[in-house]
Amino acid sequence: MESELQIEFKTQIVARLKEKHGYKNIHEVPKVVKVVINTSVGSAPDVKDALEIAKSELAAITGQKPVETTSKTSISNFKLRKNQAIGAKVTLRGRVMYEFLERLIRTALPRIRDFRGVSARAFDGRGNYTLGVKDQSIFPEIDLDRIKRNIGFDVTIVTTAKTNQEAKNLLTEIGMPFADRNLKPKGPAEEKAA
């Protein structure tokens, strides 16, 4: 069973992108390949407990079992040994990826306090976008009463776009709420006047 976003992508978004950019073939239209959610607890005093909490939170958010990530080098100042487990990541593809994107864009991001959109500067030059989430409580799958520690993580959206502009157009069509840089936030005097 396909998600609403996946059906919308196939039936409407591909046609709009093809018309906007003048692609001759639907296979030229950029698409989202995978979404990688990554977290690190390397600086926590009790790394093992923090890692277990992070893995359970990631599993609840994504519906998929996370994989542990390890350190590549030893750093004595941080009490970090080589190959020590310090984080977790999940890679989503296909239907699960579209379901996660739909929940992220339509449910989780609007729950951020004073949300004015995500940065349009977080592209890597090859059409991939990375979004930092400071708190896992924006996801409805997380029980707020059971949160023991705040876990921040990065959400990397990997696309087949060749340029940042193509990737931004793709994510805008999907519904990613980019902040408008032309609008200035209102100051206190302007709010009283309005």
N, C-alpha and C. Protein backbone atom coordinates (compact mmCIF):
# COMPACT_ATOMS: atom_id res chain seq x y z
N MET A 1 0.84 -1.18 0.00
CA MET A 1 0.00 0.00 0.00
C MET A 1 0.88 1.24 0.00
N GLU A 2 0.72 2.10 -0.97
CA GLU A 2 1.53 3.31 -1.08
C GLU A 2 0.96 4.42 -0.21
N SER A 3 1.85 5.31 0.26
CA SER A 3 1.41 6.44 1.07
C SER A 3 0.83 7.53 0.16
N GLU A 4 0.13 8.48 0.78
CA GLU A 4 -0.47 9.58 0.01
C GLU A 4 0.59 10.37 -0.74
N LEU A 5 1.72 10.63 -0.08
CA LEU A 5 2.79 11.41 -0.70
C LEU A 5 3.38 10.68 -1.89
N GLN A 6 3.53 9.36 -1.79
CA GLN A 6 4.08 8.57 -2.89
C GLN A 6 3.14 8.61 -4.10
N ILE A 7 1.84 8.48 -3.85
CA ILE A 7 0.85 8.55 -4.94
C ILE A 7 0.84 9.94 -5.56
N GLU A 8 0.89 10.97 -4.71
CA GLU A 8 0.90 12.35 -5.20
C GLU A 8 2.15 12.61 -6.03
N PHE A 9 3.29 12.06 -5.61
CA PHE A 9 4.53 12.24 -6.36
C PHE A 9 4.41 11.65 -7.76
N LYS A 10 3.91 10.42 -7.83
CA LYS A 10 3.81 9.74 -9.13
C LYS A 10 2.78 10.38 -10.06
N THR A 11 1.66 10.84 -9.50
CA THR A 11 0.56 11.33 -10.35
C THR A 11 0.64 12.81 -10.66
N GLN A 12 1.16 13.64 -9.74
CA GLN A 12 1.11 15.09 -9.95
C GLN A 12 2.48 15.76 -9.98
N ILE A 13 3.32 15.46 -8.99
CA ILE A 13 4.58 16.19 -8.84
C ILE A 13 5.52 15.93 -10.00
N VAL A 14 5.61 14.70 -10.49
CA VAL A 14 6.48 14.38 -11.63
C VAL A 14 6.08 15.21 -12.85
N ALA A 15 4.80 15.31 -13.11
CA ALA A 15 4.32 16.09 -14.27
C ALA A 15 4.65 17.57 -14.11
N ARG A 16 4.47 18.12 -12.90
CA ARG A 16 4.76 19.55 -12.68
C ARG A 16 6.26 19.83 -12.83
N LEU A 17 7.11 18.96 -12.29
CA LEU A 17 8.56 19.15 -12.42
C LEU A 17 9.01 19.00 -13.87
N LYS A 18 8.42 18.05 -14.58
CA LYS A 18 8.77 17.83 -15.98
C LYS A 18 8.43 19.07 -16.81
N GLU A 19 7.28 19.67 -16.54
CA GLU A 19 6.87 20.87 -17.27
C GLU A 19 7.72 22.07 -16.88
N LYS A 20 8.02 22.22 -15.59
CA LYS A 20 8.77 23.37 -15.09
C LYS A 20 10.20 23.41 -15.62
N HIS A 21 10.86 22.26 -15.64
CA HIS A 21 12.27 22.20 -16.05
C HIS A 21 12.47 21.78 -17.50
N GLY A 22 11.41 21.37 -18.17
CA GLY A 22 11.52 20.98 -19.56
C GLY A 22 12.20 19.64 -19.77
N TYR A 23 12.04 18.72 -18.84
CA TYR A 23 12.60 17.38 -19.01
C TYR A 23 11.86 16.68 -20.14
N LYS A 24 12.60 15.94 -20.97
CA LYS A 24 11.98 15.23 -22.09
C LYS A 24 11.46 13.86 -21.68
N ASN A 25 12.04 13.32 -20.63
CA ASN A 25 11.72 11.96 -20.21
C ASN A 25 11.39 11.98 -18.71
N ILE A 26 10.44 11.18 -18.26
CA ILE A 26 10.10 11.20 -16.83
C ILE A 26 11.24 10.65 -15.97
N HIS A 27 12.15 9.91 -16.57
CA HIS A 27 13.28 9.38 -15.81
C HIS A 27 14.33 10.44 -15.51
N GLU A 28 14.25 11.59 -16.20
CA GLU A 28 15.14 12.71 -15.90
C GLU A 28 14.69 13.49 -14.67
N VAL A 29 13.42 13.37 -14.32
CA VAL A 29 12.86 14.11 -13.18
C VAL A 29 13.54 13.63 -11.89
N PRO A 30 14.07 14.57 -11.08
CA PRO A 30 14.70 14.16 -9.82
C PRO A 30 13.69 13.50 -8.88
N LYS A 31 14.19 12.59 -8.08
CA LYS A 31 13.34 11.93 -7.09
C LYS A 31 14.14 11.68 -5.82
N VAL A 32 13.44 11.41 -4.75
CA VAL A 32 14.10 11.10 -3.49
C VAL A 32 14.48 9.63 -3.50
N VAL A 33 15.77 9.35 -3.25
CA VAL A 33 16.28 7.98 -3.28
C VAL A 33 16.17 7.34 -1.90
N LYS A 34 16.64 8.07 -0.87
CA LYS A 34 16.61 7.53 0.48
C LYS A 34 16.65 8.67 1.49
N VAL A 35 16.27 8.36 2.70
CA VAL A 35 16.35 9.29 3.82
C VAL A 35 17.15 8.61 4.92
N VAL A 36 18.20 9.30 5.41
CA VAL A 36 19.05 8.75 6.46
C VAL A 36 18.87 9.60 7.72
N ILE A 37 18.49 8.96 8.82
CA ILE A 37 18.33 9.64 10.10
C ILE A 37 19.47 9.18 10.98
N ASN A 38 20.26 10.16 11.48
CA ASN A 38 21.50 9.85 12.19
C ASN A 38 21.53 10.61 13.51
N THR A 39 21.94 9.96 14.58
CA THR A 39 22.10 10.62 15.87
C THR A 39 23.41 10.18 16.52
N SER A 40 23.94 11.04 17.38
CA SER A 40 25.18 10.72 18.09
C SER A 40 25.03 11.06 19.56
N VAL A 41 25.51 10.19 20.41
CA VAL A 41 25.48 10.43 21.86
C VAL A 41 26.88 10.36 22.44
N GLY A 42 27.87 10.62 21.63
CA GLY A 42 29.27 10.45 22.02
C GLY A 42 29.70 11.25 23.21
N SER A 43 29.08 12.41 23.48
CA SER A 43 29.52 13.26 24.58
C SER A 43 28.75 12.99 25.88
N ALA A 44 27.81 12.07 25.86
CA ALA A 44 27.02 11.77 27.07
C ALA A 44 27.89 11.04 28.09
N PRO A 45 27.70 11.32 29.39
CA PRO A 45 28.52 10.65 30.41
C PRO A 45 28.28 9.14 30.46
N ASP A 46 27.04 8.71 30.27
CA ASP A 46 26.73 7.28 30.26
C ASP A 46 26.32 6.89 28.84
N VAL A 47 27.32 6.61 28.03
CA VAL A 47 27.12 6.39 26.60
C VAL A 47 26.20 5.20 26.32
N LYS A 48 26.35 4.12 27.05
CA LYS A 48 25.55 2.92 26.77
C LYS A 48 24.06 3.17 27.01
N ASP A 49 23.71 3.81 28.13
CA ASP A 49 22.30 4.10 28.40
C ASP A 49 21.75 5.09 27.38
N ALA A 50 22.53 6.13 27.08
CA ALA A 50 22.09 7.14 26.11
C ALA A 50 21.89 6.52 24.73
N LEU A 51 22.76 5.58 24.37
CA LEU A 51 22.67 4.92 23.07
C LEU A 51 21.41 4.05 22.98
N GLU A 52 21.10 3.34 24.06
CA GLU A 52 19.89 2.51 24.06
C GLU A 52 18.63 3.37 23.95
N ILE A 53 18.62 4.51 24.64
CA ILE A 53 17.48 5.43 24.56
C ILE A 53 17.36 5.97 23.14
N ALA A 54 18.50 6.38 22.55
CA ALA A 54 18.49 6.93 21.19
C ALA A 54 18.00 5.89 20.19
N LYS A 55 18.44 4.65 20.35
CA LYS A 55 18.00 3.59 19.42
C LYS A 55 16.51 3.32 19.55
N SER A 56 15.98 3.31 20.76
CA SER A 56 14.55 3.06 20.93
C SER A 56 13.72 4.22 20.39
N GLU A 57 14.19 5.46 20.56
CA GLU A 57 13.48 6.63 20.03
C GLU A 57 13.49 6.62 18.50
N LEU A 58 14.65 6.30 17.91
CA LEU A 58 14.74 6.23 16.44
C LEU A 58 13.84 5.13 15.90
N ALA A 59 13.80 4.01 16.57
CA ALA A 59 12.94 2.91 16.14
C ALA A 59 11.47 3.31 16.20
N ALA A 60 11.08 4.05 17.24
CA ALA A 60 9.69 4.49 17.37
C ALA A 60 9.33 5.50 16.27
N ILE A 61 10.26 6.39 15.97
CA ILE A 61 9.99 7.43 14.97
C ILE A 61 9.92 6.85 13.56
N THR A 62 10.86 5.95 13.23
CA THR A 62 10.97 5.47 11.85
C THR A 62 10.27 4.15 11.59
N GLY A 63 10.05 3.35 12.64
CA GLY A 63 9.45 2.04 12.45
C GLY A 63 10.43 1.02 11.92
N GLN A 64 11.71 1.31 12.07
CA GLN A 64 12.76 0.42 11.56
C GLN A 64 13.87 0.34 12.60
N LYS A 65 14.54 -0.81 12.70
CA LYS A 65 15.58 -1.00 13.70
C LYS A 65 16.84 -0.23 13.31
N PRO A 66 17.37 0.62 14.22
CA PRO A 66 18.58 1.39 13.92
C PRO A 66 19.84 0.54 13.97
N VAL A 67 20.87 1.02 13.30
CA VAL A 67 22.18 0.38 13.27
C VAL A 67 23.13 1.26 14.09
N GLU A 68 23.97 0.65 14.92
CA GLU A 68 24.93 1.43 15.71
C GLU A 68 26.04 1.96 14.81
N THR A 69 26.50 3.17 15.12
CA THR A 69 27.65 3.75 14.44
C THR A 69 28.79 3.82 15.45
N THR A 70 30.01 3.68 14.96
CA THR A 70 31.17 3.65 15.86
C THR A 70 32.15 4.76 15.53
N SER A 71 33.00 5.08 16.50
CA SER A 71 34.01 6.13 16.29
C SER A 71 35.13 5.59 15.40
N LYS A 72 35.70 6.47 14.61
CA LYS A 72 36.76 6.06 13.69
C LYS A 72 38.15 6.19 14.32
N THR A 73 38.29 7.12 15.27
CA THR A 73 39.59 7.35 15.91
C THR A 73 39.41 7.45 17.41
N SER A 74 40.52 7.38 18.12
CA SER A 74 40.52 7.58 19.57
C SER A 74 40.83 9.04 19.87
N ILE A 75 40.07 9.63 20.82
CA ILE A 75 40.32 11.00 21.27
C ILE A 75 40.33 10.97 22.79
N SER A 76 41.51 11.12 23.39
CA SER A 76 41.64 10.95 24.84
C SER A 76 40.92 12.05 25.61
N ASN A 77 40.87 13.27 25.10
CA ASN A 77 40.20 14.37 25.80
C ASN A 77 38.71 14.10 25.98
N PHE A 78 38.10 13.37 25.07
CA PHE A 78 36.68 13.05 25.15
C PHE A 78 36.44 11.64 25.70
N LYS A 79 37.49 10.98 26.15
CA LYS A 79 37.40 9.60 26.64
C LYS A 79 36.74 8.70 25.61
N LEU A 80 37.22 8.83 24.39
CA LEU A 80 36.64 8.11 23.26
C LEU A 80 37.67 7.14 22.70
N ARG A 81 37.28 5.89 22.59
CA ARG A 81 38.16 4.87 22.03
C ARG A 81 37.76 4.56 20.59
N LYS A 82 38.71 4.09 19.82
CA LYS A 82 38.43 3.69 18.44
C LYS A 82 37.43 2.52 18.44
N ASN A 83 36.50 2.54 17.50
CA ASN A 83 35.45 1.53 17.33
C ASN A 83 34.47 1.44 18.50
N GLN A 84 34.36 2.51 19.30
CA GLN A 84 33.37 2.56 20.38
C GLN A 84 32.02 2.98 19.79
N ALA A 85 30.94 2.33 20.20
CA ALA A 85 29.60 2.68 19.71
C ALA A 85 29.21 4.04 20.28
N ILE A 86 28.95 5.02 19.40
CA ILE A 86 28.64 6.38 19.85
C ILE A 86 27.36 6.94 19.23
N GLY A 87 26.71 6.20 18.36
CA GLY A 87 25.52 6.73 17.72
C GLY A 87 24.70 5.65 17.05
N ALA A 88 23.66 6.10 16.37
CA ALA A 88 22.79 5.17 15.65
C ALA A 88 22.26 5.85 14.40
N LYS A 89 21.92 5.04 13.40
CA LYS A 89 21.35 5.60 12.18
C LYS A 89 20.35 4.63 11.59
N VAL A 90 19.44 5.19 10.80
CA VAL A 90 18.43 4.42 10.10
C VAL A 90 18.40 4.92 8.67
N THR A 91 18.36 4.00 7.70
CA THR A 91 18.21 4.36 6.29
C THR A 91 16.85 3.88 5.81
N LEU A 92 16.07 4.82 5.29
CA LEU A 92 14.72 4.51 4.82
C LEU A 92 14.66 4.61 3.31
N ARG A 93 13.97 3.66 2.69
CA ARG A 93 13.77 3.66 1.23
C ARG A 93 12.33 3.25 0.93
N GLY A 94 11.88 3.58 -0.28
CA GLY A 94 10.58 3.11 -0.75
C GLY A 94 9.40 3.67 0.03
N ARG A 95 8.41 2.81 0.28
CA ARG A 95 7.17 3.22 0.93
C ARG A 95 7.41 3.79 2.32
N VAL A 96 8.29 3.17 3.10
CA VAL A 96 8.59 3.63 4.46
C VAL A 96 9.19 5.03 4.42
N MET A 97 10.03 5.31 3.43
CA MET A 97 10.64 6.62 3.28
C MET A 97 9.58 7.69 3.02
N TYR A 98 8.66 7.41 2.10
CA TYR A 98 7.60 8.37 1.80
C TYR A 98 6.69 8.60 3.01
N GLU A 99 6.40 7.54 3.76
CA GLU A 99 5.58 7.70 4.97
C GLU A 99 6.29 8.58 5.99
N PHE A 100 7.60 8.39 6.16
CA PHE A 100 8.36 9.21 7.10
C PHE A 100 8.38 10.67 6.64
N LEU A 101 8.65 10.91 5.35
CA LEU A 101 8.67 12.28 4.83
C LEU A 101 7.32 12.96 5.03
N GLU A 102 6.25 12.23 4.79
CA GLU A 102 4.91 12.79 4.97
C GLU A 102 4.67 13.19 6.42
N ARG A 103 5.07 12.33 7.37
CA ARG A 103 4.91 12.66 8.79
C ARG A 103 5.82 13.82 9.19
N LEU A 104 7.05 13.84 8.67
CA LEU A 104 7.99 14.91 8.99
C LEU A 104 7.46 16.26 8.51
N ILE A 105 7.05 16.33 7.25
CA ILE A 105 6.64 17.60 6.63
C ILE A 105 5.28 18.07 7.13
N ARG A 106 4.33 17.17 7.22
CA ARG A 106 2.95 17.58 7.52
C ARG A 106 2.60 17.57 9.00
N THR A 107 3.33 16.81 9.81
CA THR A 107 2.96 16.71 11.22
C THR A 107 4.06 17.23 12.15
N ALA A 108 5.29 16.75 11.99
CA ALA A 108 6.35 17.04 12.96
C ALA A 108 6.88 18.48 12.86
N LEU A 109 7.26 18.93 11.67
CA LEU A 109 7.83 20.27 11.55
C LEU A 109 6.88 21.37 12.01
N PRO A 110 5.58 21.32 11.69
CA PRO A 110 4.69 22.36 12.20
C PRO A 110 4.55 22.37 13.72
N ARG A 111 4.95 21.31 14.41
CA ARG A 111 4.85 21.26 15.87
C ARG A 111 6.02 21.95 16.56
N ILE A 112 7.03 22.39 15.80
CA ILE A 112 8.17 23.10 16.39
C ILE A 112 7.70 24.49 16.83
N ARG A 113 8.07 24.87 18.03
CA ARG A 113 7.67 26.18 18.55
C ARG A 113 8.30 27.30 17.72
N ASP A 114 7.51 28.31 17.39
CA ASP A 114 7.93 29.48 16.60
C ASP A 114 8.53 29.05 15.26
N PHE A 115 7.93 28.07 14.62
CA PHE A 115 8.45 27.54 13.36
C PHE A 115 8.17 28.51 12.21
N ARG A 116 9.20 28.90 11.49
CA ARG A 116 9.06 29.81 10.37
C ARG A 116 9.59 29.21 9.08
N GLY A 117 9.80 27.91 9.06
CA GLY A 117 10.33 27.24 7.88
C GLY A 117 11.73 26.73 8.11
N VAL A 118 12.16 25.82 7.23
CA VAL A 118 13.51 25.26 7.33
C VAL A 118 14.46 26.05 6.43
N SER A 119 15.73 26.00 6.72
CA SER A 119 16.72 26.74 5.97
C SER A 119 16.86 26.21 4.55
N ALA A 120 16.99 27.12 3.60
CA ALA A 120 17.19 26.73 2.22
C ALA A 120 18.68 26.64 1.89
N ARG A 121 19.54 26.79 2.89
CA ARG A 121 20.99 26.77 2.66
C ARG A 121 21.65 25.45 3.00
N ALA A 122 20.87 24.45 3.36
CA ALA A 122 21.44 23.19 3.85
C ALA A 122 21.64 22.15 2.75
N PHE A 123 21.77 22.58 1.51
CA PHE A 123 22.05 21.65 0.41
C PHE A 123 23.55 21.47 0.29
N ASP A 124 23.98 20.31 -0.20
CA ASP A 124 25.41 19.99 -0.24
C ASP A 124 26.07 20.25 -1.60
N GLY A 125 25.34 20.77 -2.58
CA GLY A 125 25.91 21.03 -3.90
C GLY A 125 25.67 19.90 -4.87
N ARG A 126 25.21 18.75 -4.38
CA ARG A 126 24.94 17.60 -5.24
C ARG A 126 23.47 17.19 -5.19
N GLY A 127 22.63 18.08 -4.67
CA GLY A 127 21.20 17.81 -4.64
C GLY A 127 20.69 17.10 -3.41
N ASN A 128 21.51 17.02 -2.36
CA ASN A 128 21.08 16.38 -1.13
C ASN A 128 20.83 17.44 -0.06
N TYR A 129 19.90 17.19 0.83
CA TYR A 129 19.49 18.19 1.83
C TYR A 129 19.58 17.57 3.22
N THR A 130 20.15 18.32 4.17
CA THR A 130 20.25 17.84 5.54
C THR A 130 19.55 18.81 6.48
N LEU A 131 18.72 18.25 7.33
CA LEU A 131 17.92 19.04 8.26
C LEU A 131 18.24 18.58 9.68
N GLY A 132 18.56 19.50 10.56
CA GLY A 132 18.83 19.16 11.94
C GLY A 132 17.58 19.30 12.79
N VAL A 133 17.28 18.29 13.57
CA VAL A 133 16.14 18.31 14.49
C VAL A 133 16.71 18.29 15.90
N LYS A 134 16.37 19.29 16.71
CA LYS A 134 16.96 19.41 18.05
C LYS A 134 16.30 18.54 19.09
N ASP A 135 15.04 18.16 18.85
CA ASP A 135 14.29 17.47 19.88
C ASP A 135 13.37 16.44 19.25
N GLN A 136 13.34 15.24 19.80
CA GLN A 136 12.51 14.17 19.24
C GLN A 136 11.04 14.32 19.60
N SER A 137 10.70 15.23 20.49
CA SER A 137 9.31 15.35 20.96
C SER A 137 8.36 15.91 19.91
N ILE A 138 8.87 16.41 18.78
CA ILE A 138 7.98 16.93 17.74
C ILE A 138 7.27 15.81 16.99
N PHE A 139 7.74 14.58 17.13
CA PHE A 139 7.10 13.45 16.46
C PHE A 139 5.97 12.90 17.32
N PRO A 140 4.80 12.65 16.75
CA PRO A 140 3.67 12.16 17.54
C PRO A 140 3.88 10.75 18.09
N GLU A 141 4.82 9.99 17.56
CA GLU A 141 5.06 8.63 18.04
C GLU A 141 5.75 8.60 19.41
N ILE A 142 6.33 9.72 19.82
CA ILE A 142 7.07 9.79 21.07
C ILE A 142 6.13 10.18 22.21
N ASP A 143 6.14 9.39 23.27
CA ASP A 143 5.34 9.69 24.46
C ASP A 143 6.11 10.72 25.28
N LEU A 144 5.53 11.91 25.43
CA LEU A 144 6.24 13.01 26.09
C LEU A 144 6.55 12.71 27.56
N ASP A 145 5.72 11.91 28.22
CA ASP A 145 5.94 11.60 29.63
C ASP A 145 7.10 10.65 29.85
N ARG A 146 7.50 9.93 28.80
CA ARG A 146 8.55 8.92 28.96
C ARG A 146 9.92 9.39 28.45
N ILE A 147 10.04 10.65 28.04
CA ILE A 147 11.32 11.17 27.54
C ILE A 147 12.29 11.32 28.71
N LYS A 148 13.44 10.66 28.61
CA LYS A 148 14.46 10.74 29.66
C LYS A 148 15.52 11.79 29.32
N ARG A 149 15.80 11.94 28.03
CA ARG A 149 16.77 12.95 27.60
C ARG A 149 16.43 13.38 26.18
N ASN A 150 16.75 14.64 25.87
CA ASN A 150 16.51 15.13 24.52
C ASN A 150 17.56 14.56 23.57
N ILE A 151 17.09 14.09 22.44
CA ILE A 151 17.98 13.51 21.45
C ILE A 151 17.82 14.31 20.16
N GLY A 152 18.89 14.92 19.71
CA GLY A 152 18.88 15.61 18.44
C GLY A 152 19.39 14.68 17.36
N PHE A 153 18.91 14.89 16.15
CA PHE A 153 19.40 14.05 15.06
C PHE A 153 19.34 14.80 13.74
N ASP A 154 20.06 14.28 12.77
CA ASP A 154 20.10 14.85 11.42
C ASP A 154 19.27 13.98 10.49
N VAL A 155 18.50 14.64 9.64
CA VAL A 155 17.71 13.96 8.62
C VAL A 155 18.30 14.37 7.28
N THR A 156 18.91 13.42 6.56
CA THR A 156 19.50 13.70 5.26
C THR A 156 18.61 13.10 4.18
N ILE A 157 18.17 13.97 3.27
CA ILE A 157 17.31 13.54 2.16
C ILE A 157 18.20 13.47 0.92
N VAL A 158 18.41 12.26 0.42
CA VAL A 158 19.28 12.03 -0.74
C VAL A 158 18.40 11.97 -1.99
N THR A 159 18.71 12.82 -2.98
CA THR A 159 17.93 12.87 -4.21
C THR A 159 18.80 12.60 -5.42
N THR A 160 18.17 12.42 -6.57
CA THR A 160 18.90 12.23 -7.82
C THR A 160 19.12 13.56 -8.53
N ALA A 161 18.76 14.67 -7.91
CA ALA A 161 18.94 15.99 -8.53
C ALA A 161 20.42 16.28 -8.71
N LYS A 162 20.74 16.99 -9.80
CA LYS A 162 22.14 17.31 -10.09
C LYS A 162 22.58 18.65 -9.49
N THR A 163 21.63 19.54 -9.23
CA THR A 163 21.95 20.85 -8.67
C THR A 163 21.09 21.11 -7.43
N ASN A 164 21.52 22.11 -6.67
CA ASN A 164 20.76 22.49 -5.48
C ASN A 164 19.38 23.01 -5.85
N GLN A 165 19.30 23.78 -6.94
CA GLN A 165 18.01 24.37 -7.34
C GLN A 165 17.01 23.28 -7.74
N GLU A 166 17.47 22.27 -8.47
CA GLU A 166 16.58 21.16 -8.82
C GLU A 166 16.09 20.44 -7.57
N ALA A 167 16.99 20.23 -6.62
CA ALA A 167 16.62 19.54 -5.37
C ALA A 167 15.65 20.40 -4.57
N LYS A 168 15.89 21.71 -4.54
CA LYS A 168 14.97 22.60 -3.79
C LYS A 168 13.59 22.60 -4.43
N ASN A 169 13.54 22.62 -5.76
CA ASN A 169 12.24 22.57 -6.45
C ASN A 169 11.52 21.26 -6.15
N LEU A 170 12.26 20.15 -6.14
CA LEU A 170 11.67 18.85 -5.83
C LEU A 170 11.10 18.84 -4.42
N LEU A 171 11.90 19.28 -3.44
CA LEU A 171 11.44 19.26 -2.05
C LEU A 171 10.30 20.26 -1.81
N THR A 172 10.32 21.39 -2.53
CA THR A 172 9.21 22.34 -2.43
C THR A 172 7.93 21.73 -2.94
N GLU A 173 8.01 21.01 -4.05
CA GLU A 173 6.81 20.33 -4.61
C GLU A 173 6.31 19.25 -3.65
N ILE A 174 7.22 18.57 -2.97
CA ILE A 174 6.82 17.54 -2.01
C ILE A 174 6.12 18.18 -0.81
N GLY A 175 6.48 19.45 -0.51
CA GLY A 175 5.83 20.16 0.58
C GLY A 175 6.76 20.65 1.67
N MET A 176 8.08 20.56 1.46
CA MET A 176 9.03 21.02 2.48
C MET A 176 8.85 22.52 2.68
N PRO A 177 8.61 22.97 3.91
CA PRO A 177 8.33 24.39 4.16
C PRO A 177 9.62 25.20 4.31
N PHE A 178 10.18 25.66 3.21
CA PHE A 178 11.40 26.47 3.26
C PHE A 178 11.06 27.88 3.75
N ALA A 179 11.95 28.45 4.56
CA ALA A 179 11.75 29.80 5.08
C ALA A 179 11.97 30.79 3.95
N ASP A 180 11.14 31.82 3.89
CA ASP A 180 11.29 32.87 2.88
C ASP A 180 12.27 33.90 3.41
N ARG A 181 13.41 34.02 2.80
CA ARG A 181 14.46 34.94 3.27
C ARG A 181 14.08 36.41 3.04
N ASN A 182 13.12 36.70 2.18
CA ASN A 182 12.74 38.08 1.90
C ASN A 182 11.89 38.67 3.02
N LEU A 183 11.20 37.83 3.77
CA LEU A 183 10.35 38.31 4.85
C LEU A 183 11.18 38.47 6.12
N LYS A 184 11.10 39.65 6.73
CA LYS A 184 11.78 39.87 8.00
C LYS A 184 10.80 39.57 9.12
N PRO A 185 11.29 38.98 10.22
CA PRO A 185 10.39 38.78 11.35
C PRO A 185 9.97 40.13 11.92
N LYS A 186 8.72 40.22 12.33
CA LYS A 186 8.22 41.48 12.87
C LYS A 186 8.83 41.76 14.23
N GLY A 187 9.18 43.03 14.43
CA GLY A 187 9.66 43.46 15.74
C GLY A 187 8.48 43.78 16.64
N PRO A 188 8.74 44.05 17.94
CA PRO A 188 7.65 44.33 18.86
C PRO A 188 6.83 45.57 18.47
N ALA A 189 7.49 46.61 17.97
CA ALA A 189 6.77 47.84 17.58
C ALA A 189 5.87 47.58 16.38
N GLU A 190 6.33 46.77 15.41
CA GLU A 190 5.54 46.48 14.22
C GLU A 190 4.34 45.61 14.55
N GLU A 191 4.49 44.70 15.56
CA GLU A 191 3.38 43.84 15.93
C GLU A 191 2.26 44.64 16.59
N LYS A 192 2.62 45.65 17.41
CA LYS A 192 1.61 46.49 18.08
C LYS A 192 0.86 47.33 17.05
N ALA A 193 1.58 47.78 16.01
CA ALA A 193 0.96 48.62 14.98
C ALA A 193 0.01 47.83 14.11
N ALA A 194 0.27 46.54 13.94
CA ALA A 194 -0.55 45.71 13.05
C ALA A 194 -1.86 45.29 13.62
